């Protein structure tokens, strides 16, 4: 029996996913609603990670700590063997999460009113962090055909010509699950070089790649040495450690790295906490077998969702290249987003994310998180069908 079949009760654990639905979805009582929305998993972390945290907990002093060389070595080794990406240890800067890292990068390399570009539909903090820092957000929508997305590089170049200072890439893409090809990344990097645009690559989902797809780290493509690239990576999506709050910025360019270090000092940013560094080192040292099993398990979950939901009139869902998220197209049903969300929450009793959360380009779509035991996926699909069948 798979370790991922275990049901872990997450209620009353300060879980944002399970314990904050009333506030997020503006409902009075969410006790009977199944959450399949925010992107964390309902699986226990690898036992080696738990043991590493427990071992650190045995020491009764929790004073200032630092990230040791062994932790950095574990990161380097992981990306070398999993992605054939050689990262120099000195290029790694630790941060307390990818979103905080994104905020630091935007603040460091842009000024108020500078243009920051994104391609929607995409992860909402790309937009919110940019706007909250007083930068001008500009969008170049991805091109969608039958649920599959690609870039319109002609339109993106026109946008860059208007003085974009920084572009935020999502690879693998959230919410659509696209893993961008080497050729696509090379074209994007070439445009960034041509127009002197900083490239911030959010690669937090890099490890969760479904069979048949291949992740290409942006910093390994042709031309990357000449570009101003900062890649953000983390073990948090891979091993369900979001609450640990640990991430890395990979910055081979010494000048860019120095500027980010100065920004960190200006904000009094400390190193990772004692438990986070222990978790990072354990995950990247011992997590291979756990991740391999996870990917196979997710693939089965996704095949089931596709089989069941694609049988419904007006519903279309494709298997992503990566992530544990699926992007459901309901445009052919004729339902408005509010109608669909009301049905899901009040009739189906299941919480998914509305597509417009990812920008106007997401209208007519829903995001579902299938990183949960198969029995829960079956339950979620049944609830979706119940909501969809309502008159």
Protein backbone atom coordinates (compact mmCIF):
# COMPACT_ATOMS: atom_id res chain seq x y z
CA UNK A 1 0.00 0.00 0.00
CA UNK A 2 1.30 3.45 -0.91
CA UNK A 3 2.29 5.78 1.90
CA UNK A 4 0.24 8.41 0.09
CA UNK A 5 -3.02 6.56 0.76
CA UNK A 6 -2.88 7.60 4.42
CA UNK A 7 -5.51 10.12 5.49
CA UNK A 8 -3.91 12.80 7.66
CA UNK A 9 -6.44 14.90 9.58
CA UNK A 10 -5.28 18.49 9.11
CA UNK A 11 -8.18 20.29 10.74
CA UNK A 12 -7.31 22.39 13.77
CA UNK A 13 -3.62 22.33 12.87
CA UNK A 14 -3.53 26.01 11.86
CA UNK A 15 -3.78 24.81 8.28
CA UNK A 16 -4.55 27.63 5.88
CA UNK A 17 -6.06 25.12 3.47
CA UNK A 18 -8.37 23.40 5.97
CA UNK A 19 -8.96 25.94 8.74
CA UNK A 20 -9.38 29.24 6.86
CA UNK A 21 -12.04 28.39 4.30
CA UNK A 22 -14.75 30.44 6.00
CA UNK A 23 -12.69 33.61 5.56
CA UNK A 24 -11.31 32.80 2.11
CA UNK A 25 -14.61 31.78 0.52
CA UNK A 26 -16.83 34.05 2.64
CA UNK A 27 -19.02 31.26 3.98
CA UNK A 28 -20.43 30.78 7.46
CA UNK A 29 -19.51 27.14 8.04
CA UNK A 30 -16.99 25.15 6.00
CA UNK A 31 -16.93 22.04 8.20
CA UNK A 32 -18.53 19.91 5.46
CA UNK A 33 -16.53 21.36 2.55
CA UNK A 34 -13.62 19.46 1.01
CA UNK A 35 -10.67 21.80 0.30
CA UNK A 36 -8.92 21.18 -3.03
CA UNK A 37 -7.74 24.73 -3.60
CA UNK A 38 -4.48 26.14 -2.19
CA UNK A 39 -1.27 24.51 -3.41
CA UNK A 40 -0.08 22.41 -0.54
CA UNK A 41 -0.38 18.65 -0.24
CA UNK A 42 -2.33 16.52 2.22
CA UNK A 43 0.59 14.10 2.46
CA UNK A 44 2.95 13.74 5.41
CA UNK A 45 6.49 14.96 4.75
CA UNK A 46 9.23 12.34 4.21
CA UNK A 47 10.07 10.56 7.46
CA UNK A 48 13.73 11.60 7.16
CA UNK A 49 12.67 15.24 7.22
CA UNK A 50 10.48 14.70 10.27
CA UNK A 51 13.31 12.83 11.99
CA UNK A 52 15.77 15.64 11.22
CA UNK A 53 13.44 18.22 12.80
CA UNK A 54 12.88 15.95 15.80
CA UNK A 55 16.62 15.50 16.21
CA UNK A 56 17.17 19.25 16.22
CA UNK A 57 14.31 19.63 18.70
CA UNK A 58 16.16 17.38 21.16
CA UNK A 59 18.70 20.15 21.69
CA UNK A 60 17.06 22.52 24.20
CA UNK A 61 18.70 25.74 23.01
CA UNK A 62 17.20 27.59 20.05
CA UNK A 63 19.60 30.49 19.67
CA UNK A 64 20.78 32.14 16.47
CA UNK A 65 21.68 29.56 13.84
CA UNK A 66 23.15 29.57 10.36
CA UNK A 67 22.86 27.46 7.22
CA UNK A 68 25.83 25.10 7.24
CA UNK A 69 27.92 24.02 4.25
CA UNK A 70 26.29 20.59 4.43
CA UNK A 71 22.92 22.15 3.74
CA UNK A 72 24.25 23.97 0.68
CA UNK A 73 25.98 20.80 -0.50
CA UNK A 74 22.67 18.92 -0.28
CA UNK A 75 21.00 21.56 -2.47
CA UNK A 76 23.82 21.41 -5.03
CA UNK A 77 23.79 17.61 -5.14
CA UNK A 78 20.01 17.43 -5.54
CA UNK A 79 19.85 19.72 -8.57
CA UNK A 80 22.85 18.04 -10.15
CA UNK A 81 21.40 14.54 -9.97
CA UNK A 82 17.72 15.44 -10.54
CA UNK A 83 18.12 18.13 -13.21
CA UNK A 84 21.74 17.99 -14.42
CA UNK A 85 22.10 21.57 -13.22
CA UNK A 86 25.45 22.48 -11.70
CA UNK A 87 24.97 25.20 -9.09
CA UNK A 88 28.01 26.78 -7.47
CA UNK A 89 27.49 26.93 -3.67
CA UNK A 90 28.37 30.62 -3.56
CA UNK A 91 25.54 31.37 -6.01
CA UNK A 92 22.92 30.27 -3.46
CA UNK A 93 21.20 32.86 -1.29
CA UNK A 94 18.68 31.53 1.22
CA UNK A 95 15.35 33.23 1.83
CA UNK A 96 12.20 32.58 3.87
CA UNK A 97 10.07 31.60 0.89
CA UNK A 98 9.81 32.11 -2.85
CA UNK A 99 7.22 34.91 -2.55
CA UNK A 100 9.41 36.88 -0.09
CA UNK A 101 12.32 36.26 -2.48
CA UNK A 102 10.27 37.62 -5.38
CA UNK A 103 9.51 40.71 -3.32
CA UNK A 104 13.21 41.21 -2.55
CA UNK A 105 14.18 40.82 -6.20
CA UNK A 106 11.56 43.32 -7.41
CA UNK A 107 12.59 45.81 -4.75
CA UNK A 108 16.30 45.40 -5.50
CA UNK A 109 16.26 45.71 -9.27
CA UNK A 110 13.35 48.05 -9.98
CA UNK A 111 12.18 51.45 -8.82
CA UNK A 112 8.64 52.71 -8.12
CA UNK A 113 6.67 53.10 -11.37
CA UNK A 114 9.03 50.80 -13.30
CA UNK A 115 7.27 48.28 -15.53
CA UNK A 116 7.20 44.66 -14.34
CA UNK A 117 5.78 42.16 -16.84
CA UNK A 118 3.97 38.87 -16.31
CA UNK A 119 2.09 36.43 -18.56
CA UNK A 120 -1.39 35.57 -17.34
CA UNK A 121 -3.09 33.42 -16.22
CA UNK A 122 -0.41 33.07 -13.55
CA UNK A 123 0.27 32.77 -9.82
CA UNK A 124 -1.46 35.75 -8.11
CA UNK A 125 1.48 37.05 -5.98
CA UNK A 126 3.30 37.99 -9.20
CA UNK A 127 0.65 40.67 -9.55
CA UNK A 128 -0.01 41.58 -5.92
CA UNK A 129 3.63 41.92 -4.85
CA UNK A 130 4.41 44.04 -7.91
CA UNK A 131 1.49 46.40 -7.33
CA UNK A 132 2.07 46.65 -3.59
CA UNK A 133 5.61 47.83 -4.27
CA UNK A 134 4.33 50.65 -6.46
CA UNK A 135 5.56 49.17 -9.72
CA UNK A 136 3.51 49.25 -12.93
CA UNK A 137 2.20 45.78 -13.76
CA UNK A 138 1.97 44.99 -17.48
CA UNK A 139 0.58 41.73 -18.89
CA UNK A 140 1.17 39.70 -22.01
CA UNK A 141 -1.39 36.89 -21.94
CA UNK A 142 -0.31 33.40 -22.81
CA UNK A 143 -1.94 31.91 -25.90
CA UNK A 144 -4.44 29.15 -25.04
CA UNK A 145 -5.60 26.45 -27.45
CA UNK A 146 -7.72 23.60 -26.06
CA UNK A 147 -6.36 24.09 -22.57
CA UNK A 148 -2.72 24.14 -23.67
CA UNK A 149 -0.66 27.33 -23.38
CA UNK A 150 2.26 28.85 -25.21
CA UNK A 151 3.99 32.20 -25.57
CA UNK A 152 3.31 34.89 -28.16
CA UNK A 153 6.87 36.16 -28.38
CA UNK A 154 5.95 38.82 -30.95
CA UNK A 155 3.56 40.46 -28.48
CA UNK A 156 6.03 39.97 -25.63
CA UNK A 157 8.74 41.73 -27.60
CA UNK A 158 6.40 44.64 -28.28
CA UNK A 159 5.81 44.88 -24.55
CA UNK A 160 9.56 44.81 -23.82
CA UNK A 161 10.07 47.64 -26.29
CA UNK A 162 7.92 49.83 -24.05
CA UNK A 163 10.53 49.79 -21.31
CA UNK A 164 9.88 46.71 -19.18
CA UNK A 165 12.47 46.50 -16.41
CA UNK A 166 11.78 42.98 -15.09
CA UNK A 167 9.88 39.91 -16.29
CA UNK A 168 8.59 37.16 -13.98
CA UNK A 169 8.62 33.66 -15.45
CA UNK A 170 6.67 30.75 -13.95
CA UNK A 171 8.36 27.45 -14.85
CA UNK A 172 6.71 24.98 -14.41
CA UNK A 173 3.67 27.13 -14.92
CA UNK A 174 1.07 27.63 -12.21
CA UNK A 175 -1.88 27.13 -12.81
CA UNK A 176 -1.69 25.51 -16.27
CA UNK A 177 1.09 23.01 -15.50
CA UNK A 178 3.16 23.76 -18.61
CA UNK A 179 6.85 22.90 -18.43
CA UNK A 180 8.46 25.28 -20.88
CA UNK A 181 10.79 23.77 -23.46
CA UNK A 182 14.45 24.65 -23.82
CA UNK A 183 13.69 26.40 -27.12
CA UNK A 184 10.98 28.56 -25.53
CA UNK A 185 13.25 29.49 -22.64
CA UNK A 186 16.09 30.36 -25.02
CA UNK A 187 13.79 32.69 -26.95
CA UNK A 188 12.68 34.36 -23.73
CA UNK A 189 16.26 34.75 -22.51
CA UNK A 190 17.30 36.22 -25.86
CA UNK A 191 14.54 38.85 -25.60
CA UNK A 192 15.60 39.73 -22.06
CA UNK A 193 19.18 40.22 -23.23
CA UNK A 194 18.12 42.28 -26.25
CA UNK A 195 16.02 44.69 -24.17
CA UNK A 196 18.09 44.55 -20.97
CA UNK A 197 15.25 43.04 -18.92
CA UNK A 198 15.86 41.28 -15.61
CA UNK A 199 14.48 37.74 -15.66
CA UNK A 200 13.06 36.39 -12.40
CA UNK A 201 12.42 32.66 -12.81
CA UNK A 202 10.03 31.14 -10.26
CA UNK A 203 10.96 27.44 -10.47
CA UNK A 204 9.43 26.27 -7.20
CA UNK A 205 7.55 23.40 -8.91
CA UNK A 206 10.67 22.18 -10.75
CA UNK A 207 10.80 18.78 -9.04
CA UNK A 208 7.18 17.76 -9.60
CA UNK A 209 7.42 16.77 -13.25
CA UNK A 210 5.02 14.19 -14.66
CA UNK A 211 6.20 11.22 -16.77
CA UNK A 212 7.08 12.24 -20.32
CA UNK A 213 7.96 15.84 -19.50
CA UNK A 214 11.42 17.32 -18.92
CA UNK A 215 12.18 20.36 -16.79
CA UNK A 216 14.86 22.72 -18.08
CA UNK A 217 16.38 25.12 -15.52
CA UNK A 218 16.38 28.61 -17.00
CA UNK A 219 19.97 29.17 -15.92
CA UNK A 220 21.14 26.26 -18.11
CA UNK A 221 19.86 27.50 -21.48
CA UNK A 222 21.96 29.09 -24.18
CA UNK A 223 22.65 32.74 -23.49
CA UNK A 224 21.86 32.56 -19.79
CA UNK A 225 25.39 33.67 -18.88
CA UNK A 226 24.80 37.02 -20.60
CA UNK A 227 21.33 37.55 -19.11
CA UNK A 228 20.35 39.05 -15.76
CA UNK A 229 18.67 35.93 -14.34
CA UNK A 230 17.71 35.09 -10.78
CA UNK A 231 16.12 31.69 -10.25
CA UNK A 232 13.96 30.95 -7.21
CA UNK A 233 13.81 27.33 -6.05
CA UNK A 234 12.63 25.57 -2.90
CA UNK A 235 11.87 22.17 -1.33
CA UNK A 236 8.50 23.42 -0.12
CA UNK A 237 6.21 22.32 -2.97
CA UNK A 238 8.25 19.16 -3.57
CA UNK A 239 8.09 17.82 -0.01
CA UNK A 240 5.06 19.68 1.42
CA UNK A 241 7.12 21.99 3.62
CA UNK A 242 5.50 25.38 2.95
CA UNK A 243 5.08 26.03 6.66
CA UNK A 244 8.83 25.56 7.17
CA UNK A 245 9.42 28.71 5.07
CA UNK A 246 12.65 28.04 3.22
CA UNK A 247 13.73 28.89 -0.32
CA UNK A 248 16.83 29.67 -2.34
CA UNK A 249 17.71 32.30 -4.90
CA UNK A 250 20.30 31.05 -7.39
CA UNK A 251 22.33 34.05 -8.55
CA UNK A 252 25.50 33.21 -10.54
CA UNK A 253 26.09 36.88 -11.43
CA UNK A 254 28.28 38.34 -8.67
CA UNK A 255 27.02 41.90 -9.11
CA UNK A 256 23.38 40.84 -8.87
CA UNK A 257 24.18 38.69 -5.86
CA UNK A 258 25.91 41.58 -4.10
CA UNK A 259 22.88 43.82 -4.63
CA UNK A 260 20.54 41.18 -3.19
CA UNK A 261 22.84 40.72 -0.20
CA UNK A 262 22.76 44.46 0.40
CA UNK A 263 18.97 44.44 0.21
CA UNK A 264 18.87 41.63 2.78
CA UNK A 265 21.10 43.59 5.13
CA UNK A 266 18.98 46.70 4.68
CA UNK A 267 15.96 44.75 5.89
CA UNK A 268 17.75 42.94 8.69
CA UNK A 269 16.99 39.57 7.09
CA UNK A 270 18.28 36.64 9.13
CA UNK A 271 19.37 33.18 8.00
CA UNK A 272 16.95 30.23 7.90
CA UNK A 273 15.68 29.12 11.29
CA UNK A 274 17.19 26.04 12.91
CA UNK A 275 14.35 23.73 11.90
CA UNK A 276 14.18 24.98 8.31
CA UNK A 277 17.84 24.32 7.59
CA UNK A 278 17.58 20.83 9.09
CA UNK A 279 14.52 20.10 6.95
CA UNK A 280 16.13 21.41 3.75
CA UNK A 281 19.25 19.31 4.19
CA UNK A 282 17.29 16.14 5.00
CA UNK A 283 14.84 16.58 2.14
CA UNK A 284 17.52 17.09 -0.49
CA UNK A 285 19.68 14.30 0.92
CA UNK A 286 17.07 11.58 1.39
CA UNK A 287 14.00 12.62 -0.63
CA UNK A 288 14.54 10.90 -4.00
CA UNK A 289 12.54 7.72 -3.43
CA UNK A 290 9.70 9.63 -1.73
CA UNK A 291 9.46 12.04 -4.66
CA UNK A 292 9.56 9.29 -7.29
CA UNK A 293 6.66 7.54 -5.57
CA UNK A 294 4.78 10.83 -5.25
CA UNK A 295 5.03 11.55 -8.97
CA UNK A 296 3.68 8.12 -9.88
CA UNK A 297 0.84 8.58 -7.39
CA UNK A 298 -0.06 12.03 -8.73
CA UNK A 299 -0.12 10.68 -12.27
CA UNK A 300 -2.75 8.09 -11.30
CA UNK A 301 -4.82 10.75 -9.53
CA UNK A 302 -4.69 12.97 -12.60
CA UNK A 303 -5.66 10.16 -14.98
CA UNK A 304 -8.74 9.50 -12.84
CA UNK A 305 -9.75 13.18 -12.77
CA UNK A 306 -9.39 13.41 -16.55
CA UNK A 307 -11.40 10.25 -17.16
CA UNK A 308 -14.28 11.32 -14.92
CA UNK A 309 -14.50 15.05 -15.65
CA UNK A 310 -13.94 14.87 -19.40
CA UNK A 311 -17.06 12.70 -19.58
CA UNK A 312 -19.14 15.71 -18.47
CA UNK A 313 -20.69 17.95 -21.12
CA UNK A 314 -18.86 21.26 -21.41
CA UNK A 315 -15.93 20.25 -19.16
CA UNK A 316 -12.40 19.75 -20.42
CA UNK A 317 -9.25 19.05 -18.43
CA UNK A 318 -5.83 18.05 -19.75
CA UNK A 319 -2.98 16.36 -17.94
CA UNK A 320 -0.29 18.89 -17.02
CA UNK A 321 3.42 18.47 -17.66
CA UNK A 322 4.18 19.26 -14.04
CA UNK A 323 2.90 20.42 -10.62
CA UNK A 324 0.08 18.69 -8.73
CA UNK A 325 -2.49 21.15 -10.04
CA UNK A 326 -5.02 20.73 -12.84
CA UNK A 327 -6.70 23.47 -14.87
CA UNK A 328 -10.37 22.73 -15.58
CA UNK A 329 -11.99 24.44 -18.57
CA UNK A 330 -15.75 24.88 -18.10
CA UNK A 331 -16.33 27.60 -20.71
CA UNK A 332 -18.53 25.38 -22.86
CA UNK A 333 -21.02 24.94 -20.02
CA UNK A 334 -22.14 28.55 -20.34
CA UNK A 335 -21.93 29.00 -16.57
CA UNK A 336 -20.61 32.24 -15.15
CA UNK A 337 -17.82 32.02 -12.61
CA UNK A 338 -20.06 33.02 -9.71
CA UNK A 339 -22.61 30.38 -10.70
CA UNK A 340 -19.95 27.69 -10.89
CA UNK A 341 -18.38 28.64 -7.55
CA UNK A 342 -21.79 28.79 -5.86
CA UNK A 343 -22.63 25.30 -7.12
CA UNK A 344 -19.31 23.88 -5.99
CA UNK A 345 -19.49 25.37 -2.49
CA UNK A 346 -23.20 25.06 -1.70
CA UNK A 347 -24.20 21.90 -3.58
CA UNK A 348 -21.00 19.93 -4.20
CA UNK A 349 -19.38 21.05 -0.94
CA UNK A 350 -15.96 21.24 -2.55
CA UNK A 351 -13.60 24.23 -2.68
CA UNK A 352 -11.66 24.89 -5.89
CA UNK A 353 -10.01 28.11 -7.02
CA UNK A 354 -11.74 30.41 -9.53
CA UNK A 355 -9.77 31.11 -12.70
CA UNK A 356 -9.94 34.90 -12.44
CA UNK A 357 -7.76 34.71 -9.34
CA UNK A 358 -4.96 34.18 -11.90
CA UNK A 359 -5.98 37.14 -14.03
CA UNK A 360 -8.80 37.85 -16.46
CA UNK A 361 -7.22 35.34 -18.86
CA UNK A 362 -8.26 32.63 -16.39
CA UNK A 363 -11.99 33.32 -16.68
CA UNK A 364 -13.89 30.11 -17.45
CA UNK A 365 -11.35 27.91 -15.68
CA UNK A 366 -10.95 26.34 -12.24
CA UNK A 367 -7.81 25.12 -10.50
CA UNK A 368 -7.97 21.86 -8.58
CA UNK A 369 -5.24 20.43 -6.33
CA UNK A 370 -5.01 16.62 -6.59
CA UNK A 371 -2.13 16.13 -4.13
CA UNK A 372 -4.20 14.09 -1.72
CA UNK A 373 -5.02 10.41 -1.14
CA UNK A 374 -6.83 8.74 -4.03
CA UNK A 375 -9.92 8.21 -1.89
CA UNK A 376 -10.07 11.98 -1.38
CA UNK A 377 -9.72 12.58 -5.12
CA UNK A 378 -12.63 10.18 -5.69
CA UNK A 379 -14.66 12.11 -3.14
CA UNK A 380 -13.75 15.44 -4.72
CA UNK A 381 -14.72 14.26 -8.20
CA UNK A 382 -18.06 12.96 -6.89
CA UNK A 383 -18.73 16.33 -5.25
CA UNK A 384 -17.84 18.14 -8.48
CA UNK A 385 -20.24 15.95 -10.43
CA UNK A 386 -22.99 16.61 -7.89
CA UNK A 387 -22.49 20.37 -8.24
CA UNK A 388 -22.32 20.18 -12.01
CA UNK A 389 -25.48 18.09 -12.27
CA UNK A 390 -27.56 20.64 -10.32
CA UNK A 391 -30.39 22.25 -12.25
